[in-house]
Protein backbone atom coordinates (compact mmCIF):
# COMPACT_ATOMS: atom_id res chain seq x y z
CA MET A 1 -144.27 -53.00 3.08
CA LEU A 2 -147.13 -52.91 0.31
CA VAL A 3 -149.02 -55.95 1.93
CA GLU A 4 -149.34 -53.77 5.34
CA GLN A 5 -150.47 -50.74 3.51
CA VAL A 6 -153.10 -52.61 1.53
CA ARG A 7 -154.12 -54.52 5.00
CA LEU A 8 -154.73 -51.11 6.31
CA GLU A 9 -156.55 -49.83 3.17
CA LEU A 10 -158.97 -52.82 3.64
CA ALA A 11 -159.34 -52.57 6.97
CA ARG A 12 -161.10 -49.02 6.43
CA ASP A 13 -164.00 -51.29 4.89
CA PRO A 14 -164.31 -54.95 6.24
CA GLY A 15 -164.98 -57.43 3.60
CA PRO A 16 -164.11 -60.53 1.85
CA VAL A 17 -160.70 -60.48 0.63
CA THR A 18 -161.45 -60.64 -3.00
CA SER A 19 -159.03 -59.81 -5.98
CA GLY A 20 -161.10 -57.03 -6.95
CA ARG A 21 -161.10 -55.42 -3.50
CA VAL A 22 -157.55 -56.04 -3.37
CA ALA A 23 -156.35 -54.41 -6.81
CA ALA A 24 -158.86 -51.08 -5.81
CA ALA A 25 -156.74 -51.07 -2.63
CA VAL A 26 -153.41 -51.21 -4.41
CA ARG A 27 -154.50 -48.47 -6.70
CA SER A 28 -155.49 -46.35 -3.78
CA VAL A 29 -152.20 -46.38 -2.14
CA GLY A 30 -150.48 -45.70 -5.43
CA ALA A 31 -148.89 -49.07 -6.10
CA VAL A 32 -148.92 -50.76 -9.63
CA LEU A 33 -149.03 -54.36 -9.81
CA GLY A 34 -149.31 -56.98 -12.71
CA ASP A 35 -151.68 -60.11 -12.53
CA LEU A 36 -149.05 -62.24 -10.86
CA GLY A 37 -148.16 -59.62 -8.29
CA LEU A 38 -151.53 -58.90 -7.55
CA LEU A 39 -152.29 -62.61 -7.02
CA ASP A 40 -149.08 -62.98 -4.59
CA VAL A 41 -150.67 -59.76 -2.69
CA THR A 42 -154.16 -61.77 -2.49
CA ASP A 43 -152.64 -64.73 -0.98
CA ALA A 44 -150.64 -63.09 1.39
CA LEU A 45 -153.37 -60.99 2.67
CA LYS A 46 -155.97 -64.17 2.80
CA ALA A 47 -153.11 -65.79 4.89
CA GLU A 48 -152.80 -62.97 7.37
CA LEU A 49 -156.59 -62.22 7.72
CA VAL A 50 -158.66 -65.36 6.91
CA GLY A 51 -158.66 -68.72 9.14
CA ALA A 52 -155.22 -69.61 10.75
CA GLY A 53 -152.98 -67.83 8.29
CA PRO A 54 -149.80 -68.90 7.47
CA LEU A 55 -150.59 -71.93 9.86
CA GLU A 56 -153.44 -73.24 7.98
CA PRO A 57 -151.56 -75.88 5.48
CA LEU A 58 -149.88 -77.10 9.00
CA LEU A 59 -153.63 -77.97 10.35
CA ALA A 60 -154.67 -79.34 6.95
CA ASP A 61 -151.96 -81.93 7.52
CA PRO A 62 -153.52 -85.11 8.25
CA LEU A 63 -150.65 -86.19 10.25
CA VAL A 64 -150.41 -83.50 12.35
CA THR A 65 -151.96 -83.57 15.93
CA ASP A 66 -150.31 -80.15 17.37
CA VAL A 67 -148.97 -77.19 16.19
CA LEU A 68 -147.16 -74.82 18.59
CA VAL A 69 -145.68 -71.24 18.05
CA ASN A 70 -143.19 -70.01 20.55
CA ALA A 71 -143.67 -66.17 19.79
CA ASP A 72 -141.42 -65.21 16.75
CA ARG A 73 -138.65 -68.05 17.44
CA GLY A 74 -139.91 -70.86 15.47
CA VAL A 75 -143.24 -73.31 15.10
CA TRP A 76 -143.13 -76.92 15.81
CA VAL A 77 -145.37 -79.70 15.00
CA ASP A 78 -146.23 -83.22 16.16
CA ARG A 79 -147.04 -85.58 13.49
CA GLY A 80 -147.23 -88.86 15.74
CA GLN A 81 -143.77 -89.22 16.41
CA GLY A 82 -142.48 -86.54 18.80
CA LEU A 83 -142.33 -82.46 18.35
CA GLU A 84 -140.28 -81.61 15.14
CA GLN A 85 -139.49 -77.75 13.87
CA VAL A 86 -140.76 -76.67 10.64
CA ARG A 87 -139.50 -74.20 8.54
CA LEU A 88 -142.17 -71.34 8.68
CA ARG A 89 -141.81 -67.83 9.25
CA LEU A 90 -144.68 -65.92 10.71
CA GLY A 91 -143.07 -62.48 10.98
CA SER A 92 -142.43 -60.28 13.97
CA GLU A 93 -143.86 -60.48 17.61
CA ALA A 94 -146.58 -58.12 16.45
CA ASP A 95 -147.47 -60.33 13.75
CA VAL A 96 -147.93 -63.34 15.96
CA ARG A 97 -149.80 -61.31 18.40
CA ARG A 98 -152.06 -60.33 15.81
CA LEU A 99 -152.74 -63.47 14.62
CA ALA A 100 -153.52 -65.19 18.27
CA VAL A 101 -155.86 -62.03 18.75
CA ARG A 102 -157.56 -62.83 15.50
CA LEU A 103 -158.17 -66.37 16.24
CA ALA A 104 -159.14 -66.03 19.63
CA ALA A 105 -161.86 -63.66 18.17
CA THR A 106 -162.94 -66.19 15.62
CA ALA A 107 -163.79 -68.30 18.68
CA GLY A 108 -165.41 -65.64 20.35
CA ARG A 109 -163.15 -64.94 23.08
CA ARG A 110 -161.18 -61.85 23.94
CA LEU A 111 -157.03 -61.73 24.15
CA ASP A 112 -155.63 -58.58 25.20
CA ASP A 113 -153.77 -56.95 27.99
CA ALA A 114 -156.65 -57.25 30.40
CA CYS A 115 -157.27 -60.98 29.38
CA PRO A 116 -153.79 -62.28 28.38
CA TYR A 117 -154.40 -65.86 28.06
CA VAL A 118 -157.49 -67.52 26.36
CA ASP A 119 -158.38 -71.32 25.80
CA ALA A 120 -161.20 -72.06 23.42
CA ARG A 121 -162.32 -73.87 20.33
CA LEU A 122 -162.06 -72.56 16.73
CA PRO A 123 -165.22 -72.87 14.17
CA GLY A 124 -163.40 -76.18 12.54
CA GLY A 125 -162.67 -78.12 15.95
CA VAL A 126 -159.43 -77.16 16.57
CA ARG A 127 -158.35 -76.20 20.23
CA LEU A 128 -156.61 -72.82 20.69
CA HIS A 129 -154.59 -71.82 23.64
CA ALA A 130 -152.62 -68.34 23.29
CA VAL A 131 -150.96 -66.39 25.97
CA LEU A 132 -149.74 -63.01 25.76
CA PRO A 133 -146.52 -61.26 27.12
CA PRO A 134 -145.63 -60.85 30.30
CA LEU A 135 -147.29 -63.64 31.07
CA ALA A 136 -144.98 -65.48 28.28
CA GLN A 137 -142.02 -63.39 28.66
CA GLU A 138 -140.41 -64.26 25.04
CA GLY A 139 -143.53 -62.90 23.56
CA THR A 140 -147.07 -64.35 22.38
CA HIS A 141 -147.52 -68.06 22.37
CA LEU A 142 -149.97 -70.46 20.65
CA SER A 143 -150.65 -74.01 21.22
CA LEU A 144 -153.08 -75.63 18.41
CA ARG A 145 -154.65 -79.17 18.96
CA VAL A 146 -155.88 -80.62 16.04
CA PRO A 147 -158.61 -83.14 16.31
CA HIS A 148 -158.53 -86.50 14.25
CA ARG A 149 -160.35 -86.04 11.06
CA ARG A 150 -162.31 -89.04 11.77
CA VAL A 151 -163.19 -91.16 15.10
CA LEU A 152 -160.37 -94.00 15.68
CA THR A 153 -162.17 -97.41 16.19
CA LEU A 154 -160.66 -99.88 18.96
CA ASP A 155 -159.36 -101.47 15.56
CA ASP A 156 -157.68 -98.54 14.37
CA LEU A 157 -156.16 -98.52 17.97
CA GLY A 158 -154.80 -101.86 17.76
CA THR A 159 -153.47 -101.46 14.47
CA ALA A 160 -151.40 -98.21 15.37
CA GLY A 161 -149.94 -99.82 18.19
CA THR A 162 -151.86 -97.88 20.97
CA VAL A 163 -153.92 -100.97 22.37
CA PRO A 164 -152.30 -104.31 22.90
CA PRO A 165 -154.34 -106.60 20.36
CA SER A 166 -155.17 -109.44 23.06
CA TRP A 167 -156.64 -106.35 25.26
CA GLN A 168 -159.33 -105.72 22.62
CA PRO A 169 -161.71 -108.03 23.94
CA ILE A 170 -161.26 -107.32 27.24
CA LEU A 171 -161.86 -103.47 26.56
CA ARG A 172 -165.06 -104.40 24.71
CA THR A 173 -166.42 -106.37 27.52
CA VAL A 174 -165.37 -103.03 29.90
CA VAL A 175 -167.88 -101.50 27.59
CA GLU A 176 -170.49 -104.13 27.19
CA SER A 177 -170.71 -104.78 30.90
CA ARG A 178 -171.10 -101.12 31.61
CA CYS A 179 -168.09 -100.51 33.86
CA ALA A 180 -167.49 -96.98 34.91
CA PHE A 181 -164.00 -96.11 34.05
CA LEU A 182 -161.47 -93.57 34.01
CA VAL A 183 -158.92 -93.10 31.13
CA THR A 184 -155.54 -91.56 32.54
CA GLY A 185 -152.50 -90.07 31.93
CA GLY A 186 -150.25 -86.98 30.70
CA THR A 187 -151.09 -84.19 28.35
CA GLY A 188 -151.12 -85.59 24.70
CA CYS A 189 -150.77 -89.32 25.54
CA GLY A 190 -154.22 -89.74 23.62
CA LYS A 191 -156.78 -90.14 26.61
CA THR A 192 -159.56 -88.48 24.36
CA THR A 193 -159.03 -90.78 21.25
CA VAL A 194 -159.43 -94.03 23.43
CA LEU A 195 -162.04 -92.71 25.00
CA GLY A 196 -163.87 -91.67 21.92
CA GLY A 197 -162.96 -95.30 20.44
CA LEU A 198 -164.33 -96.92 23.44
CA LEU A 199 -167.59 -94.89 23.13
CA SER A 200 -168.26 -95.64 19.79
CA LEU A 201 -168.67 -99.20 21.07
CA VAL A 202 -171.79 -98.20 23.34
CA PRO A 203 -175.15 -99.76 21.64
CA THR A 204 -176.88 -97.42 19.74
CA CYS A 205 -180.18 -97.91 21.72
CA GLU A 206 -178.11 -95.99 24.74
CA ARG A 207 -177.88 -92.17 25.46
CA VAL A 208 -174.61 -90.48 25.60
CA VAL A 209 -174.25 -87.33 27.55
CA VAL A 210 -171.04 -85.64 27.19
CA VAL A 211 -169.54 -82.87 29.25
CA GLU A 212 -166.62 -80.64 28.44
CA ASP A 213 -164.88 -78.03 29.17
CA CYS A 214 -163.98 -77.46 25.62
CA SER A 215 -165.13 -79.67 23.18
CA GLU A 216 -162.73 -82.38 21.88
CA LEU A 217 -164.51 -85.47 22.09
CA ARG A 218 -165.52 -87.44 18.80
CA VAL A 219 -167.74 -90.28 19.08
CA ASP A 220 -168.85 -92.44 16.39
CA HIS A 221 -172.74 -92.97 18.00
CA PRO A 222 -176.20 -91.98 16.71
CA HIS A 223 -177.41 -90.44 19.96
CA VAL A 224 -174.77 -88.30 21.70
CA VAL A 225 -175.51 -85.07 23.46
CA ARG A 226 -172.85 -82.75 24.04
CA LEU A 227 -172.73 -79.82 26.96
CA GLU A 228 -169.75 -77.30 26.76
CA SER A 229 -168.82 -75.02 29.93
CA ARG A 230 -168.82 -71.25 28.93
CA PRO A 231 -166.46 -68.63 30.78
CA PRO A 232 -167.78 -65.14 32.11
CA ASN A 233 -168.19 -62.34 29.77
CA VAL A 234 -166.26 -59.01 30.07
CA GLU A 235 -168.49 -58.08 33.04
CA GLY A 236 -167.49 -61.33 35.06
CA GLN A 237 -171.05 -62.59 34.35
CA GLY A 238 -172.66 -65.62 32.66
CA ALA A 239 -170.19 -68.21 33.48
CA VAL A 240 -171.51 -72.01 33.44
CA THR A 241 -169.28 -74.21 35.27
CA MET A 242 -168.47 -78.18 34.36
CA THR A 243 -170.17 -78.77 37.63
CA ASP A 244 -173.32 -76.59 36.52
CA LEU A 245 -173.16 -78.92 33.51
CA VAL A 246 -173.00 -82.37 35.29
CA ARG A 247 -176.07 -81.24 37.55
CA GLN A 248 -178.00 -80.56 34.08
CA ALA A 249 -176.49 -83.83 32.48
CA LEU A 250 -178.00 -86.10 35.32
CA ARG A 251 -181.52 -84.25 34.54
CA MET A 252 -181.28 -85.35 30.34
CA ARG A 253 -181.62 -88.93 31.24
CA PRO A 254 -178.31 -90.50 30.18
CA ASP A 255 -177.48 -94.17 30.09
CA ARG A 256 -173.79 -93.08 29.74
CA LEU A 257 -172.66 -89.85 31.73
CA VAL A 258 -169.28 -88.90 30.37
CA VAL A 259 -167.08 -85.99 31.51
CA GLY A 260 -164.34 -85.35 28.96
CA GLU A 261 -162.03 -84.08 31.32
CA VAL A 262 -162.09 -84.23 35.32
CA ARG A 263 -160.45 -81.40 36.43
CA GLY A 264 -162.20 -79.62 39.38
CA ALA A 265 -164.97 -79.66 41.91
CA GLU A 266 -167.08 -81.73 39.42
CA VAL A 267 -165.51 -84.64 40.39
CA ARG A 268 -168.13 -84.45 43.25
CA GLU A 269 -170.93 -84.72 41.26
CA LEU A 270 -170.13 -87.10 38.91
CA LEU A 271 -168.92 -89.39 41.86
CA THR A 272 -172.63 -89.10 43.16
CA ALA A 273 -173.77 -90.09 39.92
CA LEU A 274 -172.03 -93.09 39.45
CA ASN A 275 -172.92 -93.95 43.00
CA THR A 276 -176.83 -93.41 42.25
CA GLY A 277 -177.61 -95.66 39.39
CA HIS A 278 -175.81 -93.97 36.41
CA GLU A 279 -173.72 -97.36 35.40
CA GLY A 280 -170.95 -96.88 32.58
CA GLY A 281 -170.05 -93.54 33.30
CA CYS A 282 -166.52 -92.44 32.26
CA GLY A 283 -164.00 -89.70 31.71
CA THR A 284 -160.46 -88.61 31.89
CA ILE A 285 -157.99 -87.51 34.30
CA HIS A 286 -154.62 -86.16 34.32
CA ALA A 287 -152.08 -88.25 36.20
CA ASN A 288 -148.95 -89.88 35.63
CA ALA A 289 -149.60 -93.19 36.97
CA ALA A 290 -152.28 -95.15 37.74
CA ARG A 291 -151.60 -95.95 40.96
CA GLU A 292 -151.54 -91.75 41.56
CA VAL A 293 -155.15 -91.63 40.58
CA PRO A 294 -156.58 -91.72 44.51
CA ALA A 295 -154.55 -88.86 45.36
CA ARG A 296 -155.44 -87.04 41.98
CA LEU A 297 -159.14 -87.57 43.42
CA GLU A 298 -158.40 -86.58 46.76
CA ALA A 299 -156.87 -83.44 45.66
CA LEU A 300 -159.82 -82.50 43.00
CA ALA A 301 -162.40 -83.32 45.16
CA ALA A 302 -161.14 -81.23 48.10
CA LEU A 303 -162.01 -78.51 45.70
CA ALA A 304 -165.57 -79.48 46.79
CA GLY A 305 -165.49 -79.67 50.08
CA LEU A 306 -164.95 -83.45 50.34
CA GLN A 307 -162.83 -85.05 53.26
CA ARG A 308 -160.41 -88.43 52.08
CA ASP A 309 -162.80 -90.81 53.47
CA ALA A 310 -165.54 -89.59 51.77
CA VAL A 311 -163.53 -89.73 48.30
CA ALA A 312 -162.70 -93.52 49.05
CA ALA A 313 -165.83 -94.21 49.94
CA GLN A 314 -167.64 -92.84 47.13
CA ALA A 315 -165.11 -93.63 44.38
CA ALA A 316 -164.69 -97.44 45.46
CA GLY A 317 -168.19 -97.60 44.45
CA ALA A 318 -168.47 -95.44 41.76
CA ILE A 319 -165.69 -96.45 39.53
CA ASP A 320 -164.20 -99.93 38.55
CA LEU A 321 -161.31 -99.50 36.17
CA VAL A 322 -158.38 -97.32 35.46
CA LEU A 323 -157.19 -97.32 31.97
CA HIS A 324 -153.72 -95.52 31.88
CA LEU A 325 -151.70 -94.38 28.55
CA ARG A 326 -148.31 -93.00 28.41
CA ARG A 327 -146.26 -91.82 25.41
CA LEU A 328 -143.28 -93.80 24.83
CA GLY A 329 -141.15 -92.41 22.01
CA GLY A 330 -144.05 -90.27 20.23
CA LEU A 331 -146.16 -93.30 20.21
CA ARG A 332 -149.41 -93.15 22.37
CA ARG A 333 -149.87 -96.72 24.26
CA LEU A 334 -152.64 -97.82 26.72
CA THR A 335 -149.77 -99.41 29.35
CA GLU A 336 -151.99 -100.41 31.90
CA ILE A 337 -155.60 -101.84 32.99
CA ALA A 338 -155.97 -101.38 36.81
CA VAL A 339 -158.96 -102.00 39.28
CA VAL A 340 -160.24 -99.53 41.91
CA GLN A 341 -161.15 -100.73 45.32
CA ARG A 342 -161.25 -99.78 49.03
CA GLY A 343 -158.15 -100.54 50.87
CA ARG A 344 -156.72 -100.58 54.14
CA THR A 345 -155.31 -97.30 53.80
CA GLY A 346 -157.85 -95.89 51.78
CA LEU A 347 -158.76 -96.09 47.73
CA GLU A 348 -156.23 -97.97 45.91
CA VAL A 349 -155.96 -98.76 41.89
CA VAL A 350 -154.30 -102.10 41.50
CA PRO A 351 -152.69 -103.15 38.31
CA ALA A 352 -154.70 -105.93 36.23
CA LEU A 353 -152.91 -106.05 33.25
CA LEU A 354 -149.32 -104.60 32.15
CA ALA A 355 -148.08 -104.02 28.52
CA HIS A 356 -144.71 -104.61 27.63
CA GLU A 357 -143.55 -101.34 26.82
CA SER A 358 -141.00 -102.18 24.12
CA ASP A 359 -143.02 -104.56 21.79
CA PRO A 360 -146.57 -103.21 20.90
CA ALA A 361 -147.23 -106.55 19.63
CA ALA A 362 -147.09 -108.21 23.08
CA ASP A 363 -149.67 -109.43 25.11
CA GLY A 364 -148.32 -107.91 28.31
CA SER A 365 -148.25 -109.72 31.82
CA ARG A 366 -151.22 -109.80 34.33
CA GLY A 367 -151.08 -107.96 37.88
CA PRO A 368 -152.63 -108.72 41.41
CA GLY A 369 -155.48 -107.40 40.27
CA TRP A 370 -156.63 -109.56 37.44
CA PRO A 371 -158.75 -111.85 39.49
CA ALA A 372 -160.91 -108.63 40.54
CA LEU A 373 -160.91 -107.62 37.03
CA ARG A 374 -162.21 -110.84 36.03
CA GLU A 375 -164.85 -111.18 38.30
CA ARG A 376 -165.90 -107.41 37.70
CA LEU A 377 -166.27 -108.16 33.97
CA ALA A 378 -168.34 -111.26 34.55
CA ARG A 379 -171.10 -109.31 36.15
């Protein structure tokens, strides 16, 4: 009760939460506190008014990749071994909503009844998604994706068991030979992490232009240009789409064009670019399996008005490989390298290397696409 009274008092004259201001606010509401009590109130107010509040310790944990808040019913985290619930009380539904609104405002976005969801990046790089009732029936839900503190190299990914050891030289050759590829998989399977690790292998003399809807990709490279889309303002004006950015990126002399996540009509611009001399392009796309990538590309290209035959013709000439990841018991693993080619019935994705899912250290097995993969890497 006292913390709420002091918070309201501080809100009358916004400013940094300092011990002096808190002490003055405590006196103004008629309360008397000792040094320890004043320190407790100051810490509680800082947790509520600054940063991510009570979620801050979780976001600071180097093992945490995701923090999920299910209204006032619990907080879950992923430390790389799957989701686990933590003992943390955020207060009432009103407290959770207030935290979500403040985080959205920190990211320069609006979150209220007129705009009941938001997808944005916080100043520290954490990706925020929040949704309010009645869209979320039980109350305000928060999803926070924590970027890696450092870029994971291909060697790091091998040590973590994400990439089979014998596949690492092949992936290095993929980058060196300027093959165009897509990293595919479900949500949270490590697509962005793997893509960042591979792009760190790009020669330093090349210019990498990255286009993203919400900036997440981290690349250890001296010449990276980042472009991020922009939503419309409250008047519905000023939007900059991914399609707009891909077009702009092509005018920036990219040696490598990277689309952080292909999710809409920008696939047309990407396929066109990769078919007109921009070798070595890459990106990520959501797919349940490598063999389902053609259907995903067709569905996305339909948003840009492309017919199925046109997609097959463009993609077969533009994309060389698909690298598919899965989550297996909490571990993120590259389970397949497949070759993209034009088949009798349209676009086909043919497996070239398949990992043994039960043994991260195993070499895996070769699929029917292995000769085509070897041929493309030998160009």
